[in-house]
Amino acid sequence: MAQVALDINGRRFEVACDDGQEPHLRALGAEIDQRVRRLVDSVGQVGEMRLLVMAGLLLADDLDEQTGQVTGRTPARQPSAEDAETVERLHAVAERVERVAARFEGT
């Protein structure tokens, strides 16, 4: 199992992933960092947990716009097999973020 260091909002997170998935995980981490930074620019530093929740909600909203899976509404277009794979990956990332957040809440 590989380890990847992700820098999000100026803080480093060590995350485990399957061997060979490091570039993909880094790209996902960069996307989350970019969204969190945009949130900081608009609402300020309102706390790490709140920023991660807000970034997660933005990602979920994007996902819902694409697939309609979150709220059950009809998407703007029909989801493809690639969309289903993206949904699975986002769910896996969300679970990992929740585990990381739980560790930080416990400290």
PDB file of N, CA and C in Angstrom:
ATOM      1  N   MET A   1       0.854  -1.173   0.000  1.00  0.00           N
ATOM      2  CA  MET A   1       0.000   0.000   0.000  1.00  0.00           C
ATOM      3  C   MET A   1       0.901   1.237   0.000  1.00  0.00           C
ATOM      4  N   ALA A   2       0.572   2.182  -0.871  1.00  0.00           N
ATOM      5  CA  ALA A   2       1.364   3.395  -1.024  1.00  0.00           C
ATOM      6  C   ALA A   2       0.850   4.487  -0.092  1.00  0.00           C
ATOM      7  N   GLN A   3       1.693   5.465   0.173  1.00  0.00           N
ATOM      8  CA  GLN A   3       1.343   6.642   0.956  1.00  0.00           C
ATOM      9  C   GLN A   3       1.502   7.866   0.065  1.00  0.00           C
ATOM     10  N   VAL A   4       0.565   8.784   0.154  1.00  0.00           N
ATOM     11  CA  VAL A   4       0.625  10.016  -0.613  1.00  0.00           C
ATOM     12  C   VAL A   4       0.442  11.183   0.346  1.00  0.00           C
ATOM     13  N   ALA A   5       1.274  12.205   0.181  1.00  0.00           N
ATOM     14  CA  ALA A   5       1.145  13.425   0.979  1.00  0.00           C
ATOM     15  C   ALA A   5       0.316  14.424   0.178  1.00  0.00           C
ATOM     16  N   LEU A   6      -0.784  14.871   0.759  1.00  0.00           N
ATOM     17  CA  LEU A   6      -1.650  15.860   0.122  1.00  0.00           C
ATOM     18  C   LEU A   6      -1.589  17.151   0.920  1.00  0.00           C
ATOM     19  N   ASP A   7      -1.383  18.249   0.233  1.00  0.00           N
ATOM     20  CA  ASP A   7      -1.397  19.562   0.877  1.00  0.00           C
ATOM     21  C   ASP A   7      -2.730  20.228   0.570  1.00  0.00           C
ATOM     22  N   ILE A   8      -3.518  20.425   1.623  1.00  0.00           N
ATOM     23  CA  ILE A   8      -4.831  21.047   1.481  1.00  0.00           C
ATOM     24  C   ILE A   8      -4.930  22.202   2.468  1.00  0.00           C
ATOM     25  N   ASN A   9      -5.137  23.377   1.911  1.00  0.00           N
ATOM     26  CA  ASN A   9      -5.245  24.596   2.719  1.00  0.00           C
ATOM     27  C   ASN A   9      -4.019  24.805   3.608  1.00  0.00           C
ATOM     28  N   GLY A  10      -2.849  24.514   3.049  1.00  0.00           N
ATOM     29  CA  GLY A  10      -1.608  24.734   3.770  1.00  0.00           C
ATOM     30  C   GLY A  10      -1.279  23.681   4.806  1.00  0.00           C
ATOM     31  N   ARG A  11      -2.036  22.619   4.833  1.00  0.00           N
ATOM     32  CA  ARG A  11      -1.799  21.558   5.809  1.00  0.00           C
ATOM     33  C   ARG A  11      -1.557  20.247   5.073  1.00  0.00           C
ATOM     34  N   ARG A  12      -0.622  19.459   5.572  1.00  0.00           N
ATOM     35  CA  ARG A  12      -0.253  18.204   4.915  1.00  0.00           C
ATOM     36  C   ARG A  12      -1.021  17.041   5.539  1.00  0.00           C
ATOM     37  N   PHE A  13      -1.564  16.202   4.646  1.00  0.00           N
ATOM     38  CA  PHE A  13      -2.285  15.002   5.057  1.00  0.00           C
ATOM     39  C   PHE A  13      -1.634  13.803   4.389  1.00  0.00           C
ATOM     40  N   GLU A  14      -1.301  12.789   5.159  1.00  0.00           N
ATOM     41  CA  GLU A  14      -0.762  11.537   4.626  1.00  0.00           C
ATOM     42  C   GLU A  14      -1.930  10.579   4.440  1.00  0.00           C
ATOM     43  N   VAL A  15      -2.081  10.100   3.199  1.00  0.00           N
ATOM     44  CA  VAL A  15      -3.214   9.237   2.869  1.00  0.00           C
ATOM     45  C   VAL A  15      -2.697   7.972   2.199  1.00  0.00           C
ATOM     46  N   ALA A  16      -3.224   6.841   2.603  1.00  0.00           N
ATOM     47  CA  ALA A  16      -2.848   5.563   1.994  1.00  0.00           C
ATOM     48  C   ALA A  16      -3.713   5.311   0.763  1.00  0.00           C
ATOM     49  N   CYS A  17      -3.127   4.645  -0.212  1.00  0.00           N
ATOM     50  CA  CYS A  17      -3.873   4.274  -1.408  1.00  0.00           C
ATOM     51  C   CYS A  17      -3.254   3.012  -2.005  1.00  0.00           C
ATOM     52  N   ASP A  18      -3.963   2.410  -2.936  1.00  0.00           N
ATOM     53  CA  ASP A  18      -3.426   1.239  -3.633  1.00  0.00           C
ATOM     54  C   ASP A  18      -2.221   1.648  -4.459  1.00  0.00           C
ATOM     55  N   ASP A  19      -1.269   0.747  -4.578  1.00  0.00           N
ATOM     56  CA  ASP A  19      -0.100   1.003  -5.413  1.00  0.00           C
ATOM     57  C   ASP A  19      -0.552   1.363  -6.821  1.00  0.00           C
ATOM     58  N   GLY A  20       0.079   2.381  -7.390  1.00  0.00           N
ATOM     59  CA  GLY A  20      -0.249   2.824  -8.736  1.00  0.00           C
ATOM     60  C   GLY A  20      -1.316   3.905  -8.782  1.00  0.00           C
ATOM     61  N   GLN A  21      -2.007   4.152  -7.670  1.00  0.00           N
ATOM     62  CA  GLN A  21      -3.071   5.152  -7.623  1.00  0.00           C
ATOM     63  C   GLN A  21      -2.578   6.520  -7.151  1.00  0.00           C
ATOM     64  N   GLU A  22      -1.281   6.627  -6.894  1.00  0.00           N
ATOM     65  CA  GLU A  22      -0.735   7.871  -6.342  1.00  0.00           C
ATOM     66  C   GLU A  22      -1.024   9.099  -7.215  1.00  0.00           C
ATOM     67  N   PRO A  23      -0.766   9.048  -8.529  1.00  0.00           N
ATOM     68  CA  PRO A  23      -1.053  10.245  -9.343  1.00  0.00           C
ATOM     69  C   PRO A  23      -2.527  10.645  -9.313  1.00  0.00           C
ATOM     70  N   HIS A  24      -3.397   9.657  -9.343  1.00  0.00           N
ATOM     71  CA  HIS A  24      -4.833   9.941  -9.302  1.00  0.00           C
ATOM     72  C   HIS A  24      -5.216  10.600  -7.977  1.00  0.00           C
ATOM     73  N   LEU A  25      -4.706  10.070  -6.881  1.00  0.00           N
ATOM     74  CA  LEU A  25      -5.014  10.624  -5.569  1.00  0.00           C
ATOM     75  C   LEU A  25      -4.454  12.037  -5.427  1.00  0.00           C
ATOM     76  N   ARG A  26      -3.251  12.267  -5.958  1.00  0.00           N
ATOM     77  CA  ARG A  26      -2.684  13.621  -5.924  1.00  0.00           C
ATOM     78  C   ARG A  26      -3.570  14.603  -6.692  1.00  0.00           C
ATOM     79  N   ALA A  27      -4.073  14.178  -7.847  1.00  0.00           N
ATOM     80  CA  ALA A  27      -4.958  15.041  -8.639  1.00  0.00           C
ATOM     81  C   ALA A  27      -6.246  15.342  -7.877  1.00  0.00           C
ATOM     82  N   LEU A  28      -6.809  14.337  -7.218  1.00  0.00           N
ATOM     83  CA  LEU A  28      -8.016  14.559  -6.422  1.00  0.00           C
ATOM     84  C   LEU A  28      -7.731  15.521  -5.266  1.00  0.00           C
ATOM     85  N   GLY A  29      -6.598  15.327  -4.615  1.00  0.00           N
ATOM     86  CA  GLY A  29      -6.209  16.220  -3.522  1.00  0.00           C
ATOM     87  C   GLY A  29      -6.025  17.645  -4.003  1.00  0.00           C
ATOM     88  N   ALA A  30      -5.435  17.809  -5.179  1.00  0.00           N
ATOM     89  CA  ALA A  30      -5.246  19.152  -5.743  1.00  0.00           C
ATOM     90  C   ALA A  30      -6.594  19.811  -6.038  1.00  0.00           C
ATOM     91  N   GLU A  31      -7.563  19.012  -6.503  1.00  0.00           N
ATOM     92  CA  GLU A  31      -8.906  19.544  -6.768  1.00  0.00           C
ATOM     93  C   GLU A  31      -9.560  20.018  -5.467  1.00  0.00           C
ATOM     94  N   ILE A  32      -9.440  19.232  -4.424  1.00  0.00           N
ATOM     95  CA  ILE A  32     -10.019  19.625  -3.133  1.00  0.00           C
ATOM     96  C   ILE A  32      -9.311  20.871  -2.602  1.00  0.00           C
ATOM     97  N   ASP A  33      -7.982  20.905  -2.707  1.00  0.00           N
ATOM     98  CA  ASP A  33      -7.229  22.077  -2.257  1.00  0.00           C
ATOM     99  C   ASP A  33      -7.685  23.326  -3.006  1.00  0.00           C
ATOM    100  N   GLN A  34      -7.855  23.209  -4.309  1.00  0.00           N
ATOM    101  CA  GLN A  34      -8.286  24.346  -5.118  1.00  0.00           C
ATOM    102  C   GLN A  34      -9.666  24.835  -4.673  1.00  0.00           C
ATOM    103  N   ARG A  35     -10.573  23.907  -4.418  1.00  0.00           N
ATOM    104  CA  ARG A  35     -11.913  24.297  -3.972  1.00  0.00           C
ATOM    105  C   ARG A  35     -11.873  24.940  -2.588  1.00  0.00           C
ATOM    106  N   VAL A  36     -11.073  24.383  -1.703  1.00  0.00           N
ATOM    107  CA  VAL A  36     -10.966  24.959  -0.357  1.00  0.00           C
ATOM    108  C   VAL A  36     -10.360  26.355  -0.438  1.00  0.00           C
ATOM    109  N   ARG A  37      -9.349  26.534  -1.258  1.00  0.00           N
ATOM    110  CA  ARG A  37      -8.732  27.865  -1.401  1.00  0.00           C
ATOM    111  C   ARG A  37      -9.734  28.888  -1.942  1.00  0.00           C
ATOM    112  N   ARG A  38     -10.570  28.470  -2.902  1.00  0.00           N
ATOM    113  CA  ARG A  38     -11.602  29.384  -3.411  1.00  0.00           C
ATOM    114  C   ARG A  38     -12.595  29.734  -2.301  1.00  0.00           C
ATOM    115  N   LEU A  39     -12.924  28.752  -1.469  1.00  0.00           N
ATOM    116  CA  LEU A  39     -13.814  29.028  -0.338  1.00  0.00           C
ATOM    117  C   LEU A  39     -13.172  30.016   0.632  1.00  0.00           C
ATOM    118  N   VAL A  40     -11.897  29.813   0.927  1.00  0.00           N
ATOM    119  CA  VAL A  40     -11.182  30.724   1.831  1.00  0.00           C
ATOM    120  C   VAL A  40     -11.204  32.137   1.262  1.00  0.00           C
ATOM    121  N   ASP A  41     -10.999  32.252  -0.049  1.00  0.00           N
ATOM    122  CA  ASP A  41     -11.035  33.573  -0.683  1.00  0.00           C
ATOM    123  C   ASP A  41     -12.403  34.234  -0.532  1.00  0.00           C
ATOM    124  N   SER A  42     -13.473  33.438  -0.526  1.00  0.00           N
ATOM    125  CA  SER A  42     -14.808  34.033  -0.461  1.00  0.00           C
ATOM    126  C   SER A  42     -15.361  34.165   0.961  1.00  0.00           C
ATOM    127  N   VAL A  43     -15.050  33.203   1.849  1.00  0.00           N
ATOM    128  CA  VAL A  43     -15.630  33.257   3.203  1.00  0.00           C
ATOM    129  C   VAL A  43     -14.587  33.404   4.306  1.00  0.00           C
ATOM    130  N   GLY A  44     -13.309  33.307   3.965  1.00  0.00           N
ATOM    131  CA  GLY A  44     -12.251  33.408   4.965  1.00  0.00           C
ATOM    132  C   GLY A  44     -11.972  32.065   5.620  1.00  0.00           C
ATOM    133  N   GLN A  45     -11.032  32.078   6.548  1.00  0.00           N
ATOM    134  CA  GLN A  45     -10.663  30.864   7.278  1.00  0.00           C
ATOM    135  C   GLN A  45     -11.701  30.639   8.373  1.00  0.00           C
ATOM    136  N   VAL A  46     -12.687  29.802   8.087  1.00  0.00           N
ATOM    137  CA  VAL A  46     -13.779  29.563   9.027  1.00  0.00           C
ATOM    138  C   VAL A  46     -13.611  28.249   9.787  1.00  0.00           C
ATOM    139  N   GLY A  47     -12.420  27.708   9.748  1.00  0.00           N
ATOM    140  CA  GLY A  47     -12.148  26.439  10.415  1.00  0.00           C
ATOM    141  C   GLY A  47     -12.005  25.323   9.402  1.00  0.00           C
ATOM    142  N   GLU A  48     -11.032  24.466   9.669  1.00  0.00           N
ATOM    143  CA  GLU A  48     -10.718  23.379   8.748  1.00  0.00           C
ATOM    144  C   GLU A  48     -11.895  22.463   8.466  1.00  0.00           C
ATOM    145  N   MET A  49     -12.549  22.036   9.508  1.00  0.00           N
ATOM    146  CA  MET A  49     -13.643  21.095   9.352  1.00  0.00           C
ATOM    147  C   MET A  49     -14.763  21.718   8.521  1.00  0.00           C
ATOM    148  N   ARG A  50     -15.108  22.965   8.812  1.00  0.00           N
ATOM    149  CA  ARG A  50     -16.175  23.631   8.065  1.00  0.00           C
ATOM    150  C   ARG A  50     -15.793  23.786   6.596  1.00  0.00           C
ATOM    151  N   LEU A  51     -14.527  24.138   6.325  1.00  0.00           N
ATOM    152  CA  LEU A  51     -14.072  24.277   4.941  1.00  0.00           C
ATOM    153  C   LEU A  51     -14.146  22.938   4.200  1.00  0.00           C
ATOM    154  N   LEU A  52     -13.747  21.851   4.869  1.00  0.00           N
ATOM    155  CA  LEU A  52     -13.816  20.544   4.223  1.00  0.00           C
ATOM    156  C   LEU A  52     -15.263  20.118   3.974  1.00  0.00           C
ATOM    157  N   VAL A  53     -16.145  20.435   4.914  1.00  0.00           N
ATOM    158  CA  VAL A  53     -17.562  20.120   4.712  1.00  0.00           C
ATOM    159  C   VAL A  53     -18.110  20.922   3.535  1.00  0.00           C
ATOM    160  N   MET A  54     -17.780  22.207   3.473  1.00  0.00           N
ATOM    161  CA  MET A  54     -18.258  23.047   2.379  1.00  0.00           C
ATOM    162  C   MET A  54     -17.710  22.552   1.038  1.00  0.00           C
ATOM    163  N   ALA A  55     -16.432  22.194   1.000  1.00  0.00           N
ATOM    164  CA  ALA A  55     -15.839  21.666  -0.242  1.00  0.00           C
ATOM    165  C   ALA A  55     -16.523  20.361  -0.629  1.00  0.00           C
ATOM    166  N   GLY A  56     -16.800  19.504   0.345  1.00  0.00           N
ATOM    167  CA  GLY A  56     -17.504  18.253   0.080  1.00  0.00           C
ATOM    168  C   GLY A  56     -18.897  18.496  -0.473  1.00  0.00           C
ATOM    169  N   LEU A  57     -19.591  19.503   0.058  1.00  0.00           N
ATOM    170  CA  LEU A  57     -20.922  19.834  -0.447  1.00  0.00           C
ATOM    171  C   LEU A  57     -20.861  20.345  -1.886  1.00  0.00           C
ATOM    172  N   LEU A  58     -19.840  21.133  -2.186  1.00  0.00           N
ATOM    173  CA  LEU A  58     -19.672  21.611  -3.565  1.00  0.00           C
ATOM    174  C   LEU A  58     -19.419  20.443  -4.518  1.00  0.00           C
ATOM    175  N   LEU A  59     -18.589  19.505  -4.086  1.00  0.00           N
ATOM    176  CA  LEU A  59     -18.331  18.326  -4.909  1.00  0.00           C
ATOM    177  C   LEU A  59     -19.604  17.490  -5.082  1.00  0.00           C
ATOM    178  N   ALA A  60     -20.347  17.324  -4.001  1.00  0.00           N
ATOM    179  CA  ALA A  60     -21.600  16.561  -4.087  1.00  0.00           C
ATOM    180  C   ALA A  60     -22.594  17.258  -5.010  1.00  0.00           C
ATOM    181  N   ASP A  61     -22.635  18.588  -4.959  1.00  0.00           N
ATOM    182  CA  ASP A  61     -23.526  19.332  -5.844  1.00  0.00           C
ATOM    183  C   ASP A  61     -23.115  19.144  -7.299  1.00  0.00           C
ATOM    184  N   ASP A  62     -21.814  19.195  -7.575  1.00  0.00           N
ATOM    185  CA  ASP A  62     -21.332  18.933  -8.935  1.00  0.00           C
ATOM    186  C   ASP A  62     -21.725  17.531  -9.382  1.00  0.00           C
ATOM    187  N   LEU A  63     -21.550  16.568  -8.503  1.00  0.00           N
ATOM    188  CA  LEU A  63     -21.913  15.191  -8.811  1.00  0.00           C
ATOM    189  C   LEU A  63     -23.407  15.080  -9.103  1.00  0.00           C
ATOM    190  N   ASP A  64     -24.217  15.730  -8.276  1.00  0.00           N
ATOM    191  CA  ASP A  64     -25.660  15.675  -8.467  1.00  0.00           C
ATOM    192  C   ASP A  64     -26.069  16.321  -9.782  1.00  0.00           C
ATOM    193  N   GLU A  65     -25.419  17.409 -10.137  1.00  0.00           N
ATOM    194  CA  GLU A  65     -25.701  18.049 -11.422  1.00  0.00           C
ATOM    195  C   GLU A  65     -25.424  17.105 -12.580  1.00  0.00           C
ATOM    196  N   GLN A  66     -24.366  16.309 -12.435  1.00  0.00           N
ATOM    197  CA  GLN A  66     -23.968  15.395 -13.497  1.00  0.00           C
ATOM    198  C   GLN A  66     -24.850  14.151 -13.569  1.00  0.00           C
ATOM    199  N   THR A  67     -25.210  13.618 -12.401  1.00  0.00           N
ATOM    200  CA  THR A  67     -25.861  12.306 -12.393  1.00  0.00           C
ATOM    201  C   THR A  67     -27.258  12.279 -11.783  1.00  0.00           C
ATOM    202  N   GLY A  68     -27.581  13.237 -10.930  1.00  0.00           N
ATOM    203  CA  GLY A  68     -28.865  13.222 -10.237  1.00  0.00           C
ATOM    204  C   GLY A  68     -28.926  12.187  -9.135  1.00  0.00           C
ATOM    205  N   GLN A  69     -27.812  11.508  -8.850  1.00  0.00           N
ATOM    206  CA  GLN A  69     -27.821  10.426  -7.864  1.00  0.00           C
ATOM    207  C   GLN A  69     -28.032  10.898  -6.435  1.00  0.00           C
ATOM    208  N   VAL A  70     -27.584  12.095  -6.118  1.00  0.00           N
ATOM    209  CA  VAL A  70     -27.648  12.546  -4.732  1.00  0.00           C
ATOM    210  C   VAL A  70     -29.079  12.895  -4.343  1.00  0.00           C
ATOM    211  N   THR A  71     -29.765  13.685  -5.148  1.00  0.00           N
ATOM    212  CA  THR A  71     -31.110  14.131  -4.796  1.00  0.00           C
ATOM    213  C   THR A  71     -32.206  13.424  -5.566  1.00  0.00           C
ATOM    214  N   GLY A  72     -31.826  12.629  -6.554  1.00  0.00           N
ATOM    215  CA  GLY A  72     -32.810  11.904  -7.333  1.00  0.00           C
ATOM    216  C   GLY A  72     -33.435  12.712  -8.454  1.00  0.00           C
ATOM    217  N   ARG A  73     -32.991  13.964  -8.628  1.00  0.00           N
ATOM    218  CA  ARG A  73     -33.555  14.751  -9.726  1.00  0.00           C
ATOM    219  C   ARG A  73     -32.946  14.307 -11.058  1.00  0.00           C
ATOM    220  N   THR A  74     -33.604  14.648 -12.112  1.00  0.00           N
ATOM    221  CA  THR A  74     -33.147  14.250 -13.438  1.00  0.00           C
ATOM    222  C   THR A  74     -31.925  15.071 -13.829  1.00  0.00           C
ATOM    223  N   PRO A  75     -30.826  14.410 -14.191  1.00  0.00           N
ATOM    224  CA  PRO A  75     -29.628  15.150 -14.590  1.00  0.00           C
ATOM    225  C   PRO A  75     -29.832  15.835 -15.941  1.00  0.00           C
ATOM    226  N   ALA A  76     -28.956  16.802 -16.217  1.00  0.00           N
ATOM    227  CA  ALA A  76     -29.024  17.522 -17.486  1.00  0.00           C
ATOM    228  C   ALA A  76     -28.772  16.582 -18.669  1.00  0.00           C
ATOM    229  N   ARG A  77     -28.049  15.504 -18.429  1.00  0.00           N
ATOM    230  CA  ARG A  77     -27.787  14.518 -19.475  1.00  0.00           C
ATOM    231  C   ARG A  77     -27.784  13.150 -18.829  1.00  0.00           C
ATOM    232  N   GLN A  78     -27.880  12.130 -19.634  1.00  0.00           N
ATOM    233  CA  GLN A  78     -27.876  10.768 -19.119  1.00  0.00           C
ATOM    234  C   GLN A  78     -26.471  10.382 -18.677  1.00  0.00           C
ATOM    235  N   PRO A  79     -26.337   9.776 -17.494  1.00  0.00           N
ATOM    236  CA  PRO A  79     -25.014   9.382 -17.027  1.00  0.00           C
ATOM    237  C   PRO A  79     -24.434   8.267 -17.892  1.00  0.00           C
ATOM    238  N   SER A  80     -23.130   8.312 -18.049  1.00  0.00           N
ATOM    239  CA  SER A  80     -22.426   7.289 -18.823  1.00  0.00           C
ATOM    240  C   SER A  80     -21.751   6.313 -17.866  1.00  0.00           C
ATOM    241  N   ALA A  81     -21.141   5.272 -18.423  1.00  0.00           N
ATOM    242  CA  ALA A  81     -20.382   4.323 -17.607  1.00  0.00           C
ATOM    243  C   ALA A  81     -19.227   5.038 -16.925  1.00  0.00           C
ATOM    244  N   GLU A  82     -18.651   6.014 -17.605  1.00  0.00           N
ATOM    245  CA  GLU A  82     -17.556   6.796 -17.010  1.00  0.00           C
ATOM    246  C   GLU A  82     -18.057   7.593 -15.810  1.00  0.00           C
ATOM    247  N   ASP A  83     -19.285   8.126 -15.892  1.00  0.00           N
ATOM    248  CA  ASP A  83     -19.872   8.843 -14.768  1.00  0.00           C
ATOM    249  C   ASP A  83     -20.032   7.921 -13.567  1.00  0.00           C
ATOM    250  N   ALA A  84     -20.468   6.698 -13.806  1.00  0.00           N
ATOM    251  CA  ALA A  84     -20.651   5.745 -12.716  1.00  0.00           C
ATOM    252  C   ALA A  84     -19.320   5.462 -12.033  1.00  0.00           C
ATOM    253  N   GLU A  85     -18.275   5.343 -12.819  1.00  0.00           N
ATOM    254  CA  GLU A  85     -16.937   5.120 -12.246  1.00  0.00           C
ATOM    255  C   GLU A  85     -16.508   6.338 -11.437  1.00  0.00           C
ATOM    256  N   THR A  86     -16.795   7.529 -11.931  1.00  0.00           N
ATOM    257  CA  THR A  86     -16.459   8.760 -11.208  1.00  0.00           C
ATOM    258  C   THR A  86     -17.218   8.826  -9.892  1.00  0.00           C
ATOM    259  N   VAL A  87     -18.477   8.440  -9.914  1.00  0.00           N
ATOM    260  CA  VAL A  87     -19.284   8.422  -8.696  1.00  0.00           C
ATOM    261  C   VAL A  87     -18.666   7.485  -7.672  1.00  0.00           C
ATOM    262  N   GLU A  88     -18.281   6.296  -8.104  1.00  0.00           N
ATOM    263  CA  GLU A  88     -17.650   5.346  -7.185  1.00  0.00           C
ATOM    264  C   GLU A  88     -16.375   5.919  -6.597  1.00  0.00           C
ATOM    265  N   ARG A  89     -15.579   6.561  -7.427  1.00  0.00           N
ATOM    266  CA  ARG A  89     -14.324   7.154  -6.939  1.00  0.00           C
ATOM    267  C   ARG A  89     -14.597   8.278  -5.951  1.00  0.00           C
ATOM    268  N   LEU A  90     -15.597   9.120  -6.250  1.00  0.00           N
ATOM    269  CA  LEU A  90     -15.928  10.212  -5.336  1.00  0.00           C
ATOM    270  C   LEU A  90     -16.422   9.686  -4.002  1.00  0.00           C
ATOM    271  N   HIS A  91     -17.204   8.616  -4.040  1.00  0.00           N
ATOM    272  CA  HIS A  91     -17.667   8.013  -2.785  1.00  0.00           C
ATOM    273  C   HIS A  91     -16.475   7.482  -1.987  1.00  0.00           C
ATOM    274  N   ALA A  92     -15.530   6.859  -2.659  1.00  0.00           N
ATOM    275  CA  ALA A  92     -14.339   6.340  -1.979  1.00  0.00           C
ATOM    276  C   ALA A  92     -13.533   7.486  -1.384  1.00  0.00           C
ATOM    277  N   VAL A  93     -13.384   8.570  -2.135  1.00  0.00           N
ATOM    278  CA  VAL A  93     -12.645   9.732  -1.626  1.00  0.00           C
ATOM    279  C   VAL A  93     -13.374  10.331  -0.438  1.00  0.00           C
ATOM    280  N   ALA A  94     -14.697  10.434  -0.532  1.00  0.00           N
ATOM    281  CA  ALA A  94     -15.481  10.987   0.571  1.00  0.00           C
ATOM    282  C   ALA A  94     -15.306  10.152   1.837  1.00  0.00           C
ATOM    283  N   GLU A  95     -15.298   8.841   1.692  1.00  0.00           N
ATOM    284  CA  GLU A  95     -15.084   7.972   2.845  1.00  0.00           C
ATOM    285  C   GLU A  95     -13.703   8.198   3.449  1.00  0.00           C
ATOM    286  N   ARG A  96     -12.704   8.354   2.589  1.00  0.00           N
ATOM    287  CA  ARG A  96     -11.348   8.610   3.093  1.00  0.00           C
ATOM    288  C   ARG A  96     -11.275   9.940   3.817  1.00  0.00           C
ATOM    289  N   VAL A  97     -11.912  10.981   3.252  1.00  0.00           N
ATOM    290  CA  VAL A  97     -11.917  12.301   3.891  1.00  0.00           C
ATOM    291  C   VAL A  97     -12.605  12.215   5.242  1.00  0.00           C
ATOM    292  N   GLU A  98     -13.691  11.466   5.322  1.00  0.00           N
ATOM    293  CA  GLU A  98     -14.389  11.313   6.596  1.00  0.00           C
ATOM    294  C   GLU A  98     -13.501  10.628   7.625  1.00  0.00           C
ATOM    295  N   ARG A  99     -12.733   9.608   7.193  1.00  0.00           N
ATOM    296  CA  ARG A  99     -11.823   8.936   8.124  1.00  0.00           C
ATOM    297  C   ARG A  99     -10.728   9.884   8.606  1.00  0.00           C
ATOM    298  N   VAL A 100     -10.180  10.681   7.691  1.00  0.00           N
ATOM    299  CA  VAL A 100      -9.148  11.655   8.062  1.00  0.00           C
ATOM    300  C   VAL A 100      -9.730  12.685   9.018  1.00  0.00           C
ATOM    301  N   ALA A 101     -10.922  13.194   8.695  1.00  0.00           N
ATOM    302  CA  ALA A 101     -11.570  14.187   9.552  1.00  0.00           C
ATOM    303  C   ALA A 101     -11.846  13.617  10.932  1.00  0.00           C
ATOM    304  N   ALA A 102     -12.264  12.361  10.997  1.00  0.00           N
ATOM    305  CA  ALA A 102     -12.541  11.717  12.293  1.00  0.00           C
ATOM    306  C   ALA A 102     -11.265  11.631  13.127  1.00  0.00           C
ATOM    307  N   ARG A 103     -10.140  11.343  12.471  1.00  0.00           N
ATOM    308  CA  ARG A 103      -8.876  11.304  13.208  1.00  0.00           C
ATOM    309  C   ARG A 103      -8.535  12.660  13.789  1.00  0.00           C
ATOM    310  N   PHE A 104      -8.778  13.729  13.015  1.00  0.00           N
ATOM    311  CA  PHE A 104      -8.464  15.068  13.498  1.00  0.00           C
ATOM    312  C   PHE A 104      -9.416  15.525  14.575  1.00  0.00           C
ATOM    313  N   GLU A 105     -10.660  15.101  14.499  1.00  0.00           N
ATOM    314  CA  GLU A 105     -11.625  15.444  15.544  1.00  0.00           C
ATOM    315  C   GLU A 105     -11.247  14.790  16.860  1.00  0.00           C
ATOM    316  N   GLY A 106     -10.646  13.613  16.772  1.00  0.00           N
ATOM    317  CA  GLY A 106     -10.258  12.866  17.976  1.00  0.00           C
ATOM    318  C   GLY A 106      -9.010  13.404  18.641  1.00  0.00           C
ATOM    319  N   THR A 107      -8.269  14.291  17.944  1.00  0.00           N
ATOM    320  CA  THR A 107      -7.020  14.815  18.537  1.00  0.00           C
ATOM    321  C   THR A 107      -7.254  16.051  19.326  1.00  0.00           C
TER     322      THR A 107
END
